[in-house]
Amino acid sequence: MTTTEMLTILGDRMEDTAGDLFSTTVKERYLNRAQDKVIQALNPHLLTDLHVVKTAITMSTDPDVDTHFKSYFSPTVSTLPSNPLGGPLGIMGIRITKSNFIRKVSFDMAKDFSTGYVTFSATEPVYFILKNRVYIFNNTANVDCYYVREPSVIASSPNQNCDLNAIFHDAILEFAEAELWRTVNNRDRMATAQAMGYEYLAKYNQHPATNVIGEGLPFDYQSSNGLVDPIYPNYPIS
């Protein structure tokens, strides 16, 4: 759906086809607010149109942290081709270039490591987030960053269509309509549009666009470290 089509439909829904009550600028403002809301509510694996991979990121050194975690990089546009959505929160995964993915741990786990309460394997790097930086355990090699980027601003002049897959556009329209009804204090129509938007999101998150059963669900590991599929668990042979 193009920006022009979105604006036309939104005008029809607001009973303002001529744009006398809501200007194009106002409607675009709330289309962008709705886009942000939809992106925040969707499972990251559904946002395939916003997925980015940046390879061979050079690590920097921070002498103020634990010596084992002194290597870091900043996930910003200065290092990446675009800003991650929500800064470090938009990161989906990090791997050593041409090697293994790195497991994320909490800052509390990093603190416990520094006090000797827990240990990390030298052959399995881990990382944690601090100061909007990604600190990696015992690693100076280049890394690759997989992340969800910030979307482009929806605009009609110059024309910029929504970056998201077309299947999510109806939800964006519902939330934009809800926001506009809120500005004129029409709570009933706001609630109706908002409920429709969340109904769309619930369906999207329940049935991934990729049609991979179980995608987005956490996997379980047995004591033997064997991966257990949450949809099709491993059954004993005998």
C-alpha atoms as a PDB file:
ATOM      1  CA  MET A   1       0.000   0.000   0.000  1.00  0.00           C
ATOM      2  CA  THR A   2       1.480   3.346  -1.002  1.00  0.00           C
ATOM      3  CA  THR A   3       1.518   6.410   1.235  1.00  0.00           C
ATOM      4  CA  THR A   4      -1.086   8.041  -1.026  1.00  0.00           C
ATOM      5  CA  GLU A   5      -3.387   5.029  -0.640  1.00  0.00           C
ATOM      6  CA  MET A   6      -2.927   5.069   3.135  1.00  0.00           C
ATOM      7  CA  LEU A   7      -3.801   8.761   3.294  1.00  0.00           C
ATOM      8  CA  THR A   8      -6.896   8.256   1.140  1.00  0.00           C
ATOM      9  CA  ILE A   9      -8.193   5.341   3.217  1.00  0.00           C
ATOM     10  CA  LEU A  10      -7.474   7.182   6.459  1.00  0.00           C
ATOM     11  CA  GLY A  11      -9.398  10.208   5.188  1.00  0.00           C
ATOM     12  CA  ASP A  12     -12.369   8.004   4.289  1.00  0.00           C
ATOM     13  CA  ARG A  13     -12.372   6.357   7.715  1.00  0.00           C
ATOM     14  CA  MET A  14     -12.221   9.728   9.442  1.00  0.00           C
ATOM     15  CA  GLU A  15     -15.162  10.956   7.294  1.00  0.00           C
ATOM     16  CA  ASP A  16     -12.804  13.631   6.010  1.00  0.00           C
ATOM     17  CA  THR A  17     -12.178  12.692   2.383  1.00  0.00           C
ATOM     18  CA  ALA A  18     -11.513  16.311   1.401  1.00  0.00           C
ATOM     19  CA  GLY A  19      -8.947  16.775   4.188  1.00  0.00           C
ATOM     20  CA  ASP A  20     -10.764  19.683   5.809  1.00  0.00           C
ATOM     21  CA  LEU A  21     -10.384  18.360   9.354  1.00  0.00           C
ATOM     22  CA  PHE A  22      -7.067  16.506   9.173  1.00  0.00           C
ATOM     23  CA  SER A  23      -4.281  17.773   6.945  1.00  0.00           C
ATOM     24  CA  THR A  24      -1.838  15.496   5.154  1.00  0.00           C
ATOM     25  CA  THR A  25       0.834  16.524   7.676  1.00  0.00           C
ATOM     26  CA  VAL A  26      -1.327  15.473  10.614  1.00  0.00           C
ATOM     27  CA  LYS A  27      -2.327  12.158   9.034  1.00  0.00           C
ATOM     28  CA  GLU A  28       1.294  11.339   8.204  1.00  0.00           C
ATOM     29  CA  ARG A  29       2.300  12.169  11.774  1.00  0.00           C
ATOM     30  CA  TYR A  30      -0.082   9.551  13.147  1.00  0.00           C
ATOM     31  CA  LEU A  31       0.704   7.021  10.424  1.00  0.00           C
ATOM     32  CA  ASN A  32       4.288   7.145  11.630  1.00  0.00           C
ATOM     33  CA  ARG A  33       3.234   6.815  15.260  1.00  0.00           C
ATOM     34  CA  ALA A  34       1.143   3.810  14.248  1.00  0.00           C
ATOM     35  CA  GLN A  35       4.046   2.308  12.320  1.00  0.00           C
ATOM     36  CA  ASP A  36       6.254   2.550  15.419  1.00  0.00           C
ATOM     37  CA  LYS A  37       3.553   0.946  17.544  1.00  0.00           C
ATOM     38  CA  VAL A  38       3.132  -1.970  15.141  1.00  0.00           C
ATOM     39  CA  ILE A  39       6.889  -2.562  14.936  1.00  0.00           C
ATOM     40  CA  GLN A  40       7.234  -2.580  18.728  1.00  0.00           C
ATOM     41  CA  ALA A  41       4.378  -5.061  19.112  1.00  0.00           C
ATOM     42  CA  LEU A  42       5.447  -7.545  16.417  1.00  0.00           C
ATOM     43  CA  ASN A  43       7.848 -10.406  17.057  1.00  0.00           C
ATOM     44  CA  PRO A  44      11.258  -9.344  15.669  1.00  0.00           C
ATOM     45  CA  HIS A  45      11.437 -12.377  13.357  1.00  0.00           C
ATOM     46  CA  LEU A  46       8.393 -11.021  11.484  1.00  0.00           C
ATOM     47  CA  LEU A  47      10.121  -7.741  10.635  1.00  0.00           C
ATOM     48  CA  THR A  48      12.043  -9.253   7.729  1.00  0.00           C
ATOM     49  CA  ASP A  49      11.863  -6.017   5.719  1.00  0.00           C
ATOM     50  CA  LEU A  50      13.871  -4.274   8.447  1.00  0.00           C
ATOM     51  CA  HIS A  51      16.501  -6.961   9.033  1.00  0.00           C
ATOM     52  CA  VAL A  52      20.103  -5.895   8.411  1.00  0.00           C
ATOM     53  CA  VAL A  53      23.440  -7.697   8.677  1.00  0.00           C
ATOM     54  CA  LYS A  54      26.648  -5.709   9.121  1.00  0.00           C
ATOM     55  CA  THR A  55      29.808  -7.794   8.817  1.00  0.00           C
ATOM     56  CA  ALA A  56      33.390  -7.373   9.986  1.00  0.00           C
ATOM     57  CA  ILE A  57      32.837  -4.765  12.703  1.00  0.00           C
ATOM     58  CA  THR A  58      36.111  -3.738  14.328  1.00  0.00           C
ATOM     59  CA  MET A  59      36.189  -3.908  18.109  1.00  0.00           C
ATOM     60  CA  SER A  60      37.191  -0.976  20.323  1.00  0.00           C
ATOM     61  CA  THR A  61      38.717  -1.120  23.799  1.00  0.00           C
ATOM     62  CA  ASP A  62      37.302   0.235  27.052  1.00  0.00           C
ATOM     63  CA  PRO A  63      39.907   0.185  29.844  1.00  0.00           C
ATOM     64  CA  ASP A  64      37.306   1.040  32.495  1.00  0.00           C
ATOM     65  CA  VAL A  65      35.566  -2.367  32.507  1.00  0.00           C
ATOM     66  CA  ASP A  66      36.643  -5.861  33.509  1.00  0.00           C
ATOM     67  CA  THR A  67      39.691  -6.870  31.479  1.00  0.00           C
ATOM     68  CA  HIS A  68      37.847  -9.893  30.066  1.00  0.00           C
ATOM     69  CA  PHE A  69      35.084  -7.633  28.673  1.00  0.00           C
ATOM     70  CA  LYS A  70      37.145  -4.661  27.533  1.00  0.00           C
ATOM     71  CA  SER A  71      36.358  -5.249  23.820  1.00  0.00           C
ATOM     72  CA  TYR A  72      33.201  -3.556  22.610  1.00  0.00           C
ATOM     73  CA  PHE A  73      31.442  -1.863  19.710  1.00  0.00           C
ATOM     74  CA  SER A  74      28.691   0.761  19.632  1.00  0.00           C
ATOM     75  CA  PRO A  75      25.577  -0.300  17.683  1.00  0.00           C
ATOM     76  CA  THR A  76      24.912   3.123  16.140  1.00  0.00           C
ATOM     77  CA  VAL A  77      24.933   4.588  12.659  1.00  0.00           C
ATOM     78  CA  SER A  78      28.602   5.442  13.155  1.00  0.00           C
ATOM     79  CA  THR A  79      29.361   1.699  13.101  1.00  0.00           C
ATOM     80  CA  LEU A  80      26.332   0.246  11.312  1.00  0.00           C
ATOM     81  CA  PRO A  81      24.689   1.233   7.999  1.00  0.00           C
ATOM     82  CA  SER A  82      21.586   2.322   9.939  1.00  0.00           C
ATOM     83  CA  ASN A  83      20.465   2.745  13.539  1.00  0.00           C
ATOM     84  CA  PRO A  84      19.015  -0.358  15.215  1.00  0.00           C
ATOM     85  CA  LEU A  85      15.428   0.042  16.397  1.00  0.00           C
ATOM     86  CA  GLY A  86      15.689   0.848  20.101  1.00  0.00           C
ATOM     87  CA  GLY A  87      19.473   0.943  19.991  1.00  0.00           C
ATOM     88  CA  PRO A  88      21.018  -2.274  21.386  1.00  0.00           C
ATOM     89  CA  LEU A  89      17.512  -3.634  22.002  1.00  0.00           C
ATOM     90  CA  GLY A  90      17.148  -4.001  18.244  1.00  0.00           C
ATOM     91  CA  ILE A  91      20.017  -6.494  18.021  1.00  0.00           C
ATOM     92  CA  MET A  92      18.883 -10.000  17.082  1.00  0.00           C
ATOM     93  CA  GLY A  93      22.255 -11.699  17.171  1.00  0.00           C
ATOM     94  CA  ILE A  94      26.034 -11.223  17.109  1.00  0.00           C
ATOM     95  CA  ARG A  95      28.601 -13.634  15.760  1.00  0.00           C
ATOM     96  CA  ILE A  96      32.352 -13.659  15.406  1.00  0.00           C
ATOM     97  CA  THR A  97      32.969 -13.017  11.710  1.00  0.00           C
ATOM     98  CA  LYS A  98      32.896 -16.314   9.783  1.00  0.00           C
ATOM     99  CA  SER A  99      32.511 -18.208  13.050  1.00  0.00           C
ATOM    100  CA  ASN A 100      30.050 -18.862  15.882  1.00  0.00           C
ATOM    101  CA  PHE A 101      27.191 -16.783  17.219  1.00  0.00           C
ATOM    102  CA  ILE A 102      27.745 -15.183  20.615  1.00  0.00           C
ATOM    103  CA  ARG A 103      25.347 -15.811  23.479  1.00  0.00           C
ATOM    104  CA  LYS A 104      23.873 -12.793  25.266  1.00  0.00           C
ATOM    105  CA  VAL A 105      24.060 -12.649  29.070  1.00  0.00           C
ATOM    106  CA  SER A 106      22.717 -10.159  31.561  1.00  0.00           C
ATOM    107  CA  PHE A 107      24.814  -7.498  33.228  1.00  0.00           C
ATOM    108  CA  ASP A 108      24.227  -9.324  36.523  1.00  0.00           C
ATOM    109  CA  MET A 109      25.799 -12.477  35.064  1.00  0.00           C
ATOM    110  CA  ALA A 110      28.794 -10.425  33.923  1.00  0.00           C
ATOM    111  CA  LYS A 111      29.140  -9.070  37.464  1.00  0.00           C
ATOM    112  CA  ASP A 112      28.940 -12.598  38.897  1.00  0.00           C
ATOM    113  CA  PHE A 113      31.730 -13.633  36.530  1.00  0.00           C
ATOM    114  CA  SER A 114      33.926 -10.791  37.809  1.00  0.00           C
ATOM    115  CA  THR A 115      33.443 -11.969  41.388  1.00  0.00           C
ATOM    116  CA  GLY A 116      34.106 -15.603  40.495  1.00  0.00           C
ATOM    117  CA  TYR A 117      30.533 -16.743  41.207  1.00  0.00           C
ATOM    118  CA  VAL A 118      30.122 -18.045  37.633  1.00  0.00           C
ATOM    119  CA  THR A 119      32.556 -18.871  34.834  1.00  0.00           C
ATOM    120  CA  PHE A 120      32.386 -18.547  31.066  1.00  0.00           C
ATOM    121  CA  SER A 121      34.064 -20.865  28.598  1.00  0.00           C
ATOM    122  CA  ALA A 122      36.960 -19.398  26.635  1.00  0.00           C
ATOM    123  CA  THR A 123      35.651 -21.230  23.579  1.00  0.00           C
ATOM    124  CA  GLU A 124      32.129 -19.776  23.881  1.00  0.00           C
ATOM    125  CA  PRO A 125      32.116 -15.978  23.842  1.00  0.00           C
ATOM    126  CA  VAL A 126      29.276 -14.126  25.501  1.00  0.00           C
ATOM    127  CA  TYR A 127      28.225 -10.481  25.411  1.00  0.00           C
ATOM    128  CA  PHE A 128      26.249  -8.034  27.505  1.00  0.00           C
ATOM    129  CA  ILE A 129      24.860  -4.521  26.982  1.00  0.00           C
ATOM    130  CA  LEU A 130      26.081  -1.510  28.965  1.00  0.00           C
ATOM    131  CA  LYS A 131      26.137   2.210  28.126  1.00  0.00           C
ATOM    132  CA  ASN A 132      24.483   1.412  24.786  1.00  0.00           C
ATOM    133  CA  ARG A 133      27.551  -0.632  23.908  1.00  0.00           C
ATOM    134  CA  VAL A 134      28.029  -4.328  23.205  1.00  0.00           C
ATOM    135  CA  TYR A 135      30.799  -5.791  25.389  1.00  0.00           C
ATOM    136  CA  ILE A 136      32.154  -9.202  24.358  1.00  0.00           C
ATOM    137  CA  PHE A 137      33.994 -11.675  26.559  1.00  0.00           C
ATOM    138  CA  ASN A 138      37.555 -12.598  25.560  1.00  0.00           C
ATOM    139  CA  ASN A 139      37.275 -11.489  21.954  1.00  0.00           C
ATOM    140  CA  THR A 140      39.252  -9.027  19.845  1.00  0.00           C
ATOM    141  CA  ALA A 141      38.240 -10.447  16.451  1.00  0.00           C
ATOM    142  CA  ASN A 142      35.815  -8.668  14.132  1.00  0.00           C
ATOM    143  CA  VAL A 143      32.126  -9.435  14.618  1.00  0.00           C
ATOM    144  CA  ASP A 144      28.939  -9.437  12.549  1.00  0.00           C
ATOM    145  CA  CYS A 145      25.769  -7.791  13.855  1.00  0.00           C
ATOM    146  CA  TYR A 146      22.252  -8.927  12.937  1.00  0.00           C
ATOM    147  CA  TYR A 147      19.652  -6.337  13.852  1.00  0.00           C
ATOM    148  CA  VAL A 148      16.296  -4.666  13.179  1.00  0.00           C
ATOM    149  CA  ARG A 149      16.807  -1.192  11.745  1.00  0.00           C
ATOM    150  CA  GLU A 150      14.713   1.887  12.307  1.00  0.00           C
ATOM    151  CA  PRO A 151      12.011   2.279   9.625  1.00  0.00           C
ATOM    152  CA  SER A 152      11.938   5.102   7.108  1.00  0.00           C
ATOM    153  CA  VAL A 153       9.496   7.912   7.839  1.00  0.00           C
ATOM    154  CA  ILE A 154       6.222   7.523   5.943  1.00  0.00           C
ATOM    155  CA  ALA A 155       5.821  10.636   3.794  1.00  0.00           C
ATOM    156  CA  SER A 156       4.078  11.798   0.647  1.00  0.00           C
ATOM    157  CA  SER A 157       6.439  14.637  -0.308  1.00  0.00           C
ATOM    158  CA  PRO A 158       9.004  13.478  -1.095  1.00  0.00           C
ATOM    159  CA  ASN A 159       7.228  10.171  -1.451  1.00  0.00           C
ATOM    160  CA  GLN A 160       8.340   7.468   0.990  1.00  0.00           C
ATOM    161  CA  ASN A 161       6.162   4.387   1.303  1.00  0.00           C
ATOM    162  CA  CYS A 162       6.005   2.216   4.397  1.00  0.00           C
ATOM    163  CA  ASP A 163       9.004  -0.111   4.748  1.00  0.00           C
ATOM    164  CA  LEU A 164       6.954  -2.889   6.338  1.00  0.00           C
ATOM    165  CA  ASN A 165       5.474  -5.791   4.444  1.00  0.00           C
ATOM    166  CA  ALA A 166       2.050  -4.987   2.995  1.00  0.00           C
ATOM    167  CA  ILE A 167       0.347  -7.537   5.269  1.00  0.00           C
ATOM    168  CA  PHE A 168       0.987  -5.188   8.217  1.00  0.00           C
ATOM    169  CA  HIS A 169      -0.423  -2.049   6.592  1.00  0.00           C
ATOM    170  CA  ASP A 170      -4.001  -2.633   7.740  1.00  0.00           C
ATOM    171  CA  ALA A 171      -2.836  -2.713  11.357  1.00  0.00           C
ATOM    172  CA  ILE A 172      -0.965   0.559  10.834  1.00  0.00           C
ATOM    173  CA  LEU A 173      -4.133   2.158   9.463  1.00  0.00           C
ATOM    174  CA  GLU A 174      -6.176   0.928  12.435  1.00  0.00           C
ATOM    175  CA  PHE A 175      -3.766   2.442  14.961  1.00  0.00           C
ATOM    176  CA  ALA A 176      -3.473   5.690  12.997  1.00  0.00           C
ATOM    177  CA  GLU A 177      -7.260   5.950  12.903  1.00  0.00           C
ATOM    178  CA  ALA A 178      -7.421   5.319  16.643  1.00  0.00           C
ATOM    179  CA  GLU A 179      -4.905   8.098  17.305  1.00  0.00           C
ATOM    180  CA  LEU A 180      -6.855  10.553  15.152  1.00  0.00           C
ATOM    181  CA  TRP A 181     -10.167   9.743  16.859  1.00  0.00           C
ATOM    182  CA  ARG A 182      -8.387  10.363  20.146  1.00  0.00           C
ATOM    183  CA  THR A 183      -7.475  13.904  19.039  1.00  0.00           C
ATOM    184  CA  VAL A 184     -11.176  14.747  18.655  1.00  0.00           C
ATOM    185  CA  ASN A 185     -12.117  12.927  21.873  1.00  0.00           C
ATOM    186  CA  ASN A 186     -14.206  10.231  20.183  1.00  0.00           C
ATOM    187  CA  ARG A 187     -13.374   7.455  22.629  1.00  0.00           C
ATOM    188  CA  ASP A 188     -15.763   4.864  21.226  1.00  0.00           C
ATOM    189  CA  ARG A 189     -14.423   4.958  17.676  1.00  0.00           C
ATOM    190  CA  MET A 190     -10.884   5.170  19.012  1.00  0.00           C
ATOM    191  CA  ALA A 191     -11.422   1.999  21.048  1.00  0.00           C
ATOM    192  CA  THR A 192     -12.959   0.165  18.087  1.00  0.00           C
ATOM    193  CA  ALA A 193     -10.052   0.974  15.763  1.00  0.00           C
ATOM    194  CA  GLN A 194      -7.486   0.192  18.442  1.00  0.00           C
ATOM    195  CA  ALA A 195      -9.100  -3.174  19.176  1.00  0.00           C
ATOM    196  CA  MET A 196      -8.989  -4.025  15.472  1.00  0.00           C
ATOM    197  CA  GLY A 197      -5.305  -3.118  15.360  1.00  0.00           C
ATOM    198  CA  TYR A 198      -4.440  -5.379  18.279  1.00  0.00           C
ATOM    199  CA  GLU A 199      -6.524  -8.166  16.740  1.00  0.00           C
ATOM    200  CA  TYR A 200      -4.369  -7.968  13.619  1.00  0.00           C
ATOM    201  CA  LEU A 201      -1.178  -8.033  15.700  1.00  0.00           C
ATOM    202  CA  ALA A 202      -2.343 -11.071  17.664  1.00  0.00           C
ATOM    203  CA  LYS A 203      -2.927 -12.974  14.428  1.00  0.00           C
ATOM    204  CA  TYR A 204       0.435 -11.943  12.996  1.00  0.00           C
ATOM    205  CA  ASN A 205       2.346 -12.971  16.116  1.00  0.00           C
ATOM    206  CA  GLN A 206       0.485 -16.281  16.321  1.00  0.00           C
ATOM    207  CA  HIS A 207       1.016 -17.207  12.670  1.00  0.00           C
ATOM    208  CA  PRO A 208       4.452 -16.092  11.426  1.00  0.00           C
ATOM    209  CA  ALA A 209       4.569 -14.648   7.928  1.00  0.00           C
ATOM    210  CA  THR A 210       7.236 -17.190   7.015  1.00  0.00           C
ATOM    211  CA  ASN A 211       4.837 -20.071   7.790  1.00  0.00           C
ATOM    212  CA  VAL A 212       7.512 -21.821   9.863  1.00  0.00           C
ATOM    213  CA  ILE A 213       5.692 -23.653  12.640  1.00  0.00           C
ATOM    214  CA  GLY A 214       7.027 -22.662  16.030  1.00  0.00           C
ATOM    215  CA  GLU A 215       9.108 -19.758  14.755  1.00  0.00           C
ATOM    216  CA  GLY A 216       9.747 -17.242  17.496  1.00  0.00           C
ATOM    217  CA  LEU A 217       9.152 -19.755  20.312  1.00  0.00           C
ATOM    218  CA  PRO A 218      12.006 -20.419  22.738  1.00  0.00           C
ATOM    219  CA  PHE A 219      13.704 -23.777  22.332  1.00  0.00           C
ATOM    220  CA  ASP A 220      14.548 -26.003  25.262  1.00  0.00           C
ATOM    221  CA  TYR A 221      17.798 -27.862  25.871  1.00  0.00           C
ATOM    222  CA  GLN A 222      18.061 -31.233  27.563  1.00  0.00           C
ATOM    223  CA  SER A 223      20.870 -32.007  29.990  1.00  0.00           C
ATOM    224  CA  SER A 224      22.734 -33.542  27.044  1.00  0.00           C
ATOM    225  CA  ASN A 225      22.475 -30.175  25.250  1.00  0.00           C
ATOM    226  CA  GLY A 226      20.253 -31.763  22.628  1.00  0.00           C
ATOM    227  CA  LEU A 227      17.893 -29.240  21.073  1.00  0.00           C
ATOM    228  CA  VAL A 228      14.226 -29.916  21.862  1.00  0.00           C
ATOM    229  CA  ASP A 229      11.715 -28.552  19.356  1.00  0.00           C
ATOM    230  CA  PRO A 230       8.725 -27.028  21.254  1.00  0.00           C
ATOM    231  CA  ILE A 231       6.325 -28.119  18.488  1.00  0.00           C
ATOM    232  CA  TYR A 232       7.747 -31.524  17.591  1.00  0.00           C
ATOM    233  CA  PRO A 233       9.635 -32.814  20.654  1.00  0.00           C
ATOM    234  CA  ASN A 234      12.102 -35.670  20.351  1.00  0.00           C
ATOM    235  CA  TYR A 235      10.364 -38.908  21.187  1.00  0.00           C
ATOM    236  CA  PRO A 236      12.254 -41.960  22.459  1.00  0.00           C
ATOM    237  CA  ILE A 237      13.035 -44.559  19.795  1.00  0.00           C
ATOM    238  CA  SER A 238      12.124 -47.454  22.058  1.00  0.00           C
END
